[in-house]
Amino acid sequence: MDDLNDFMIRRPPTRDRPLLGVTILVVEDSRFACEALRLLSIRSGARIRRADSLASAERHLQVYRPTVAIIDDGLPDGSGASLIATLSADAARIPVILGSSGDEAARDRAMDAGADGFIAKPIARLAEFQQAILEHLPEDLCPPGPRLVGEEEVVPDPLALNDDMAHAAQLLSKSCDPVTIAYLRQFLDSIAQSAQDRSMGDALADLAVARKRGLPETGTVEALSDVVNARILPSKLI
């Protein structure tokens, strides 16, 4: 990451780097999802900072004001919609506020809270990422004339996925209370979609069915834990 002084410098956008001069705060608990956004931001010319919780986002916002905030719906200490509502009502409003989630139902929550738009996960295509921001960006911050539109997709570093799996495994080993399981379901569902992990998606679906039918969740939680642990790389490979 750049230091804060460099982060605050604005440079004029260009056709091939249309987000030059734009600063992005990503409020996202998944390192895998954030890595994709980091790569998309860099290739677009934007500078990025990450907050992994509502509390972390508040600390960032006390130091600087980004041009764009991309806020995940499900965070470890609350709903992203609450932060969207706070930011959208601020007199010094951030120019672009976007909700983000792999759950389409989160779109309505984000928009009702005051978001300008919504980015559905998985986020991989450069053109779609740029358009989601540029269509809401003030005209004076947009590149002059037509921009180059590429079909490039980004592939996050597998180590970022490993960090997410280690985090989920740690939570599963410590607690199976309903609040933790509900958080992990949305956290892992987003990752499963982004990583195109069918086995994890099936394990999450089994857990959702058990909860819906009022059945004991112990077996499905254990099965999910097995899937998560199987994806953690041996320490010698990290």
C-alpha atoms as a PDB file:
ATOM      1  CA  MET A   1       0.000   0.000   0.000  1.00  0.00           C
ATOM      2  CA  ASP A   2       1.060   3.598  -0.560  1.00  0.00           C
ATOM      3  CA  ASP A   3       1.711   5.850   2.402  1.00  0.00           C
ATOM      4  CA  LEU A   4      -1.063   8.271   3.391  1.00  0.00           C
ATOM      5  CA  ASN A   5       0.466  11.377   1.769  1.00  0.00           C
ATOM      6  CA  ASP A   6       0.813   9.617  -1.569  1.00  0.00           C
ATOM      7  CA  PHE A   7      -2.671   8.188  -1.134  1.00  0.00           C
ATOM      8  CA  MET A   8      -4.169  11.658  -0.914  1.00  0.00           C
ATOM      9  CA  ILE A   9      -2.536  12.997  -4.111  1.00  0.00           C
ATOM     10  CA  ARG A  10      -4.959  13.385  -7.000  1.00  0.00           C
ATOM     11  CA  ARG A  11      -3.823  12.769 -10.538  1.00  0.00           C
ATOM     12  CA  PRO A  12      -5.922  13.386 -13.662  1.00  0.00           C
ATOM     13  CA  PRO A  13      -7.574  10.264 -15.114  1.00  0.00           C
ATOM     14  CA  THR A  14      -6.624   8.887 -18.527  1.00  0.00           C
ATOM     15  CA  ARG A  15      -8.386   6.726 -21.118  1.00  0.00           C
ATOM     16  CA  ASP A  16      -6.587   3.563 -20.033  1.00  0.00           C
ATOM     17  CA  ARG A  17      -6.499   4.393 -16.298  1.00  0.00           C
ATOM     18  CA  PRO A  18      -9.886   6.061 -15.780  1.00  0.00           C
ATOM     19  CA  LEU A  19      -9.737   6.028 -11.976  1.00  0.00           C
ATOM     20  CA  LEU A  20      -6.453   7.893 -11.565  1.00  0.00           C
ATOM     21  CA  GLY A  21      -6.875  10.370  -8.717  1.00  0.00           C
ATOM     22  CA  VAL A  22      -9.654   8.296  -7.149  1.00  0.00           C
ATOM     23  CA  THR A  23      -9.214   6.961  -3.621  1.00  0.00           C
ATOM     24  CA  ILE A  24     -11.199   3.870  -2.631  1.00  0.00           C
ATOM     25  CA  LEU A  25     -12.005   2.616   0.852  1.00  0.00           C
ATOM     26  CA  VAL A  26     -12.970  -1.052   0.695  1.00  0.00           C
ATOM     27  CA  VAL A  27     -14.842  -2.244   3.779  1.00  0.00           C
ATOM     28  CA  GLU A  28     -14.525  -5.996   3.346  1.00  0.00           C
ATOM     29  CA  ASP A  29     -13.744  -8.824   5.773  1.00  0.00           C
ATOM     30  CA  SER A  30     -12.637 -11.318   3.114  1.00  0.00           C
ATOM     31  CA  ARG A  31      -8.987 -10.972   2.096  1.00  0.00           C
ATOM     32  CA  PHE A  32      -9.754 -12.948  -1.078  1.00  0.00           C
ATOM     33  CA  ALA A  33     -12.499 -10.522  -2.170  1.00  0.00           C
ATOM     34  CA  CYS A  34     -10.364  -7.539  -1.172  1.00  0.00           C
ATOM     35  CA  GLU A  35      -7.420  -8.842  -3.175  1.00  0.00           C
ATOM     36  CA  ALA A  36      -9.605  -8.888  -6.291  1.00  0.00           C
ATOM     37  CA  LEU A  37     -10.662  -5.295  -5.608  1.00  0.00           C
ATOM     38  CA  ARG A  38      -7.054  -4.294  -4.996  1.00  0.00           C
ATOM     39  CA  LEU A  39      -5.971  -5.677  -8.381  1.00  0.00           C
ATOM     40  CA  LEU A  40      -8.922  -4.036 -10.146  1.00  0.00           C
ATOM     41  CA  SER A  41      -8.197  -0.714  -8.456  1.00  0.00           C
ATOM     42  CA  ILE A  42      -4.488  -0.759  -9.319  1.00  0.00           C
ATOM     43  CA  ARG A  43      -5.182  -1.592 -12.956  1.00  0.00           C
ATOM     44  CA  SER A  44      -7.690   1.260 -13.077  1.00  0.00           C
ATOM     45  CA  GLY A  45      -5.282   3.769 -11.535  1.00  0.00           C
ATOM     46  CA  ALA A  46      -7.087   4.106  -8.197  1.00  0.00           C
ATOM     47  CA  ARG A  47      -5.556   3.985  -4.746  1.00  0.00           C
ATOM     48  CA  ILE A  48      -7.100   1.649  -2.201  1.00  0.00           C
ATOM     49  CA  ARG A  49      -7.338   1.180   1.549  1.00  0.00           C
ATOM     50  CA  ARG A  50      -9.001  -1.743   3.302  1.00  0.00           C
ATOM     51  CA  ALA A  51     -11.047  -1.896   6.480  1.00  0.00           C
ATOM     52  CA  ASP A  52     -12.118  -5.351   7.644  1.00  0.00           C
ATOM     53  CA  SER A  53     -14.899  -4.219   9.991  1.00  0.00           C
ATOM     54  CA  LEU A  54     -17.175  -1.310  10.834  1.00  0.00           C
ATOM     55  CA  ALA A  55     -14.848  -0.267  13.653  1.00  0.00           C
ATOM     56  CA  SER A  56     -11.830  -0.302  11.335  1.00  0.00           C
ATOM     57  CA  ALA A  57     -13.749   1.712   8.727  1.00  0.00           C
ATOM     58  CA  GLU A  58     -14.595   4.364  11.310  1.00  0.00           C
ATOM     59  CA  ARG A  59     -10.922   4.691  12.222  1.00  0.00           C
ATOM     60  CA  HIS A  60      -9.983   5.134   8.555  1.00  0.00           C
ATOM     61  CA  LEU A  61     -12.668   7.770   8.061  1.00  0.00           C
ATOM     62  CA  GLN A  62     -11.337   9.813  10.964  1.00  0.00           C
ATOM     63  CA  VAL A  63      -8.047  10.188   9.074  1.00  0.00           C
ATOM     64  CA  TYR A  64      -9.100  10.780   5.462  1.00  0.00           C
ATOM     65  CA  ARG A  65     -12.109  11.038   3.169  1.00  0.00           C
ATOM     66  CA  PRO A  66     -12.048   8.666   0.178  1.00  0.00           C
ATOM     67  CA  THR A  67     -13.645   9.366  -3.176  1.00  0.00           C
ATOM     68  CA  VAL A  68     -15.360   5.974  -3.212  1.00  0.00           C
ATOM     69  CA  ALA A  69     -16.474   3.570  -0.489  1.00  0.00           C
ATOM     70  CA  ILE A  70     -17.253  -0.054  -1.388  1.00  0.00           C
ATOM     71  CA  ILE A  71     -18.976  -1.653   1.586  1.00  0.00           C
ATOM     72  CA  ASP A  72     -19.657  -5.355   2.079  1.00  0.00           C
ATOM     73  CA  ASP A  73     -23.081  -6.235   3.448  1.00  0.00           C
ATOM     74  CA  GLY A  74     -22.023  -8.764   6.086  1.00  0.00           C
ATOM     75  CA  LEU A  75     -19.243  -7.641   8.431  1.00  0.00           C
ATOM     76  CA  PRO A  76     -18.044  -9.242  11.674  1.00  0.00           C
ATOM     77  CA  ASP A  77     -19.339  -6.407  13.854  1.00  0.00           C
ATOM     78  CA  GLY A  78     -22.555  -5.527  12.037  1.00  0.00           C
ATOM     79  CA  SER A  79     -24.280  -4.799   8.756  1.00  0.00           C
ATOM     80  CA  GLY A  80     -22.630  -2.789   6.016  1.00  0.00           C
ATOM     81  CA  ALA A  81     -26.006  -1.142   5.426  1.00  0.00           C
ATOM     82  CA  SER A  82     -25.654   0.707   8.732  1.00  0.00           C
ATOM     83  CA  LEU A  83     -22.375   2.270   7.584  1.00  0.00           C
ATOM     84  CA  ILE A  84     -23.908   3.133   4.216  1.00  0.00           C
ATOM     85  CA  ALA A  85     -26.772   4.904   5.985  1.00  0.00           C
ATOM     86  CA  THR A  86     -24.357   6.890   8.156  1.00  0.00           C
ATOM     87  CA  LEU A  87     -22.144   7.912   5.248  1.00  0.00           C
ATOM     88  CA  SER A  88     -25.015   8.804   2.929  1.00  0.00           C
ATOM     89  CA  ALA A  89     -26.513  11.132   5.544  1.00  0.00           C
ATOM     90  CA  ASP A  90     -23.192  12.883   6.237  1.00  0.00           C
ATOM     91  CA  ALA A  91     -23.072  16.554   5.221  1.00  0.00           C
ATOM     92  CA  ALA A  92     -19.589  15.930   3.751  1.00  0.00           C
ATOM     93  CA  ARG A  93     -20.844  12.930   1.808  1.00  0.00           C
ATOM     94  CA  ILE A  94     -18.390  10.645   0.038  1.00  0.00           C
ATOM     95  CA  PRO A  95     -18.999  11.124  -3.718  1.00  0.00           C
ATOM     96  CA  VAL A  96     -19.655   7.445  -4.459  1.00  0.00           C
ATOM     97  CA  ILE A  97     -20.985   4.852  -1.999  1.00  0.00           C
ATOM     98  CA  LEU A  98     -21.440   1.304  -3.275  1.00  0.00           C
ATOM     99  CA  GLY A  99     -22.804  -1.764  -1.527  1.00  0.00           C
ATOM    100  CA  SER A 100     -21.311  -5.162  -2.249  1.00  0.00           C
ATOM    101  CA  SER A 101     -22.320  -8.771  -1.611  1.00  0.00           C
ATOM    102  CA  GLY A 102     -22.767 -12.181  -3.172  1.00  0.00           C
ATOM    103  CA  ASP A 103     -26.350 -12.132  -1.875  1.00  0.00           C
ATOM    104  CA  GLU A 104     -28.690 -10.329  -4.254  1.00  0.00           C
ATOM    105  CA  ALA A 105     -31.035  -9.546  -1.346  1.00  0.00           C
ATOM    106  CA  ALA A 106     -28.291  -7.248  -0.052  1.00  0.00           C
ATOM    107  CA  ARG A 107     -28.807  -4.981  -3.064  1.00  0.00           C
ATOM    108  CA  ASP A 108     -32.101  -3.688  -1.684  1.00  0.00           C
ATOM    109  CA  ARG A 109     -30.612  -3.211   1.790  1.00  0.00           C
ATOM    110  CA  ALA A 110     -27.752  -1.161   0.366  1.00  0.00           C
ATOM    111  CA  MET A 111     -29.944   0.967  -1.889  1.00  0.00           C
ATOM    112  CA  ASP A 112     -32.522   1.561   0.851  1.00  0.00           C
ATOM    113  CA  ALA A 113     -29.684   2.719   3.119  1.00  0.00           C
ATOM    114  CA  GLY A 114     -28.631   5.331   0.562  1.00  0.00           C
ATOM    115  CA  ALA A 115     -26.001   3.640  -1.609  1.00  0.00           C
ATOM    116  CA  ASP A 116     -25.452   5.023  -5.108  1.00  0.00           C
ATOM    117  CA  GLY A 117     -25.057   1.561  -6.574  1.00  0.00           C
ATOM    118  CA  PHE A 118     -24.226  -2.064  -5.912  1.00  0.00           C
ATOM    119  CA  ILE A 119     -21.457  -4.426  -7.004  1.00  0.00           C
ATOM    120  CA  ALA A 120     -22.416  -8.096  -7.028  1.00  0.00           C
ATOM    121  CA  LYS A 121     -19.772 -10.646  -6.090  1.00  0.00           C
ATOM    122  CA  PRO A 122     -17.739 -12.271  -7.467  1.00  0.00           C
ATOM    123  CA  ILE A 123     -15.961  -9.148  -8.676  1.00  0.00           C
ATOM    124  CA  ALA A 124     -13.421 -10.003 -11.374  1.00  0.00           C
ATOM    125  CA  ARG A 125     -14.098  -8.113 -14.613  1.00  0.00           C
ATOM    126  CA  LEU A 126     -12.184  -4.860 -14.985  1.00  0.00           C
ATOM    127  CA  ALA A 127     -14.747  -3.159 -17.253  1.00  0.00           C
ATOM    128  CA  GLU A 128     -17.660  -3.875 -14.894  1.00  0.00           C
ATOM    129  CA  PHE A 129     -15.709  -2.642 -11.872  1.00  0.00           C
ATOM    130  CA  GLN A 130     -14.775   0.610 -13.608  1.00  0.00           C
ATOM    131  CA  GLN A 131     -18.289   1.205 -14.893  1.00  0.00           C
ATOM    132  CA  ALA A 132     -19.835   0.639 -11.453  1.00  0.00           C
ATOM    133  CA  ILE A 133     -17.758   3.559 -10.159  1.00  0.00           C
ATOM    134  CA  LEU A 134     -17.634   5.857 -13.178  1.00  0.00           C
ATOM    135  CA  GLU A 135     -21.395   5.977 -13.649  1.00  0.00           C
ATOM    136  CA  HIS A 136     -21.718   7.651 -10.241  1.00  0.00           C
ATOM    137  CA  LEU A 137     -18.480   9.640 -10.170  1.00  0.00           C
ATOM    138  CA  PRO A 138     -18.706  13.454 -10.501  1.00  0.00           C
ATOM    139  CA  GLU A 139     -17.963  14.562 -14.068  1.00  0.00           C
ATOM    140  CA  ASP A 140     -14.859  16.518 -13.095  1.00  0.00           C
ATOM    141  CA  LEU A 141     -13.271  13.286 -11.803  1.00  0.00           C
ATOM    142  CA  CYS A 142     -14.030  11.227 -14.916  1.00  0.00           C
ATOM    143  CA  PRO A 143     -11.596  10.813 -17.830  1.00  0.00           C
ATOM    144  CA  PRO A 144     -12.168  13.134 -20.808  1.00  0.00           C
ATOM    145  CA  GLY A 145     -13.557  11.560 -23.964  1.00  0.00           C
ATOM    146  CA  PRO A 146     -14.072   7.836 -24.575  1.00  0.00           C
ATOM    147  CA  ARG A 147     -12.174   5.366 -22.430  1.00  0.00           C
ATOM    148  CA  LEU A 148     -10.554   2.087 -23.351  1.00  0.00           C
ATOM    149  CA  VAL A 149     -12.775  -0.827 -22.327  1.00  0.00           C
ATOM    150  CA  GLY A 150     -11.025  -4.130 -21.755  1.00  0.00           C
ATOM    151  CA  GLU A 151     -12.355  -7.609 -21.034  1.00  0.00           C
ATOM    152  CA  GLU A 152      -9.602  -8.352 -18.529  1.00  0.00           C
ATOM    153  CA  GLU A 153     -10.367 -10.399 -15.430  1.00  0.00           C
ATOM    154  CA  VAL A 154      -8.282 -10.574 -12.270  1.00  0.00           C
ATOM    155  CA  VAL A 155      -7.280 -13.682 -10.329  1.00  0.00           C
ATOM    156  CA  PRO A 156      -6.576 -13.052  -6.621  1.00  0.00           C
ATOM    157  CA  ASP A 157      -3.553 -14.587  -4.915  1.00  0.00           C
ATOM    158  CA  PRO A 158      -4.416 -18.044  -3.457  1.00  0.00           C
ATOM    159  CA  LEU A 159      -2.708 -17.009  -0.215  1.00  0.00           C
ATOM    160  CA  ALA A 160      -5.500 -14.491   0.334  1.00  0.00           C
ATOM    161  CA  LEU A 161      -7.997 -17.361   0.093  1.00  0.00           C
ATOM    162  CA  ASN A 162      -5.879 -19.365   2.527  1.00  0.00           C
ATOM    163  CA  ASP A 163      -6.059 -16.498   5.038  1.00  0.00           C
ATOM    164  CA  ASP A 164      -9.853 -16.510   4.777  1.00  0.00           C
ATOM    165  CA  MET A 165     -10.015 -20.274   5.309  1.00  0.00           C
ATOM    166  CA  ALA A 166      -7.731 -20.046   8.343  1.00  0.00           C
ATOM    167  CA  HIS A 167      -9.943 -17.295   9.794  1.00  0.00           C
ATOM    168  CA  ALA A 168     -13.110 -19.350   9.247  1.00  0.00           C
ATOM    169  CA  ALA A 169     -11.511 -22.485  10.712  1.00  0.00           C
ATOM    170  CA  GLN A 170     -10.484 -20.579  13.816  1.00  0.00           C
ATOM    171  CA  LEU A 171     -14.025 -19.292  14.351  1.00  0.00           C
ATOM    172  CA  LEU A 172     -15.505 -22.764  13.789  1.00  0.00           C
ATOM    173  CA  SER A 173     -13.139 -24.280  16.318  1.00  0.00           C
ATOM    174  CA  LYS A 174     -14.048 -21.760  19.005  1.00  0.00           C
ATOM    175  CA  SER A 175     -17.784 -21.314  18.702  1.00  0.00           C
ATOM    176  CA  CYS A 176     -20.856 -22.733  17.013  1.00  0.00           C
ATOM    177  CA  ASP A 177     -23.313 -20.215  18.431  1.00  0.00           C
ATOM    178  CA  PRO A 178     -26.051 -19.017  16.047  1.00  0.00           C
ATOM    179  CA  VAL A 179     -24.543 -15.537  15.596  1.00  0.00           C
ATOM    180  CA  THR A 180     -21.127 -16.914  14.598  1.00  0.00           C
ATOM    181  CA  ILE A 181     -22.632 -19.505  12.260  1.00  0.00           C
ATOM    182  CA  ALA A 182     -24.856 -16.895  10.595  1.00  0.00           C
ATOM    183  CA  TYR A 183     -21.823 -14.673  10.027  1.00  0.00           C
ATOM    184  CA  LEU A 184     -19.732 -17.553   8.664  1.00  0.00           C
ATOM    185  CA  ARG A 185     -22.504 -18.632   6.304  1.00  0.00           C
ATOM    186  CA  GLN A 186     -22.519 -15.307   4.480  1.00  0.00           C
ATOM    187  CA  PHE A 187     -18.730 -14.947   4.725  1.00  0.00           C
ATOM    188  CA  LEU A 188     -18.049 -18.385   3.221  1.00  0.00           C
ATOM    189  CA  ASP A 189     -20.897 -18.208   0.709  1.00  0.00           C
ATOM    190  CA  SER A 190     -19.335 -15.117  -0.855  1.00  0.00           C
ATOM    191  CA  ILE A 191     -15.943 -16.847  -0.998  1.00  0.00           C
ATOM    192  CA  ALA A 192     -17.439 -20.026  -2.465  1.00  0.00           C
ATOM    193  CA  GLN A 193     -18.994 -17.993  -5.272  1.00  0.00           C
ATOM    194  CA  SER A 194     -15.814 -16.026  -5.950  1.00  0.00           C
ATOM    195  CA  ALA A 195     -13.609 -19.125  -5.891  1.00  0.00           C
ATOM    196  CA  GLN A 196     -16.211 -21.221  -7.743  1.00  0.00           C
ATOM    197  CA  ASP A 197     -15.963 -23.781  -4.958  1.00  0.00           C
ATOM    198  CA  ARG A 198     -18.915 -26.132  -5.483  1.00  0.00           C
ATOM    199  CA  SER A 199     -18.127 -28.411  -2.527  1.00  0.00           C
ATOM    200  CA  MET A 200     -18.155 -25.509  -0.103  1.00  0.00           C
ATOM    201  CA  GLY A 201     -21.346 -24.213  -1.655  1.00  0.00           C
ATOM    202  CA  ASP A 202     -22.975 -27.627  -1.136  1.00  0.00           C
ATOM    203  CA  ALA A 203     -21.858 -27.741   2.513  1.00  0.00           C
ATOM    204  CA  LEU A 204     -23.322 -24.281   3.083  1.00  0.00           C
ATOM    205  CA  ALA A 205     -26.553 -25.288   1.367  1.00  0.00           C
ATOM    206  CA  ASP A 206     -26.858 -28.331   3.664  1.00  0.00           C
ATOM    207  CA  LEU A 207     -26.389 -26.079   6.684  1.00  0.00           C
ATOM    208  CA  ALA A 208     -29.057 -23.676   5.416  1.00  0.00           C
ATOM    209  CA  VAL A 209     -31.521 -26.548   4.899  1.00  0.00           C
ATOM    210  CA  ALA A 210     -30.913 -27.875   8.414  1.00  0.00           C
ATOM    211  CA  ARG A 211     -31.531 -24.441   9.884  1.00  0.00           C
ATOM    212  CA  LYS A 212     -34.676 -23.887   7.808  1.00  0.00           C
ATOM    213  CA  ARG A 213     -36.142 -27.233   8.879  1.00  0.00           C
ATOM    214  CA  GLY A 214     -35.213 -26.757  12.519  1.00  0.00           C
ATOM    215  CA  LEU A 215     -32.909 -29.778  12.483  1.00  0.00           C
ATOM    216  CA  PRO A 216     -29.750 -30.134  14.606  1.00  0.00           C
ATOM    217  CA  GLU A 217     -26.896 -28.287  12.906  1.00  0.00           C
ATOM    218  CA  THR A 218     -23.999 -30.084  14.574  1.00  0.00           C
ATOM    219  CA  GLY A 219     -23.419 -32.523  11.730  1.00  0.00           C
ATOM    220  CA  THR A 220     -23.645 -29.918   8.978  1.00  0.00           C
ATOM    221  CA  VAL A 221     -21.361 -27.532  10.894  1.00  0.00           C
ATOM    222  CA  GLU A 222     -18.802 -30.309  11.298  1.00  0.00           C
ATOM    223  CA  ALA A 223     -19.030 -31.107   7.585  1.00  0.00           C
ATOM    224  CA  LEU A 224     -18.502 -27.440   6.749  1.00  0.00           C
ATOM    225  CA  SER A 225     -15.527 -27.319   9.116  1.00  0.00           C
ATOM    226  CA  ASP A 226     -13.997 -30.321   7.321  1.00  0.00           C
ATOM    227  CA  VAL A 227     -14.394 -28.565   3.954  1.00  0.00           C
ATOM    228  CA  VAL A 228     -12.807 -25.383   5.291  1.00  0.00           C
ATOM    229  CA  ASN A 229      -9.861 -27.162   6.922  1.00  0.00           C
ATOM    230  CA  ALA A 230      -9.204 -29.165   3.752  1.00  0.00           C
ATOM    231  CA  ARG A 231      -8.540 -25.872   1.934  1.00  0.00           C
ATOM    232  CA  ILE A 232      -5.896 -24.572   4.326  1.00  0.00           C
ATOM    233  CA  LEU A 233      -2.446 -24.873   2.818  1.00  0.00           C
ATOM    234  CA  PRO A 234       0.289 -26.695   4.759  1.00  0.00           C
ATOM    235  CA  SER A 235       2.618 -24.209   6.459  1.00  0.00           C
ATOM    236  CA  LYS A 236       5.550 -25.376   4.328  1.00  0.00           C
ATOM    237  CA  LEU A 237       3.737 -24.149   1.195  1.00  0.00           C
ATOM    238  CA  ILE A 238       3.037 -20.663   2.544  1.00  0.00           C
END
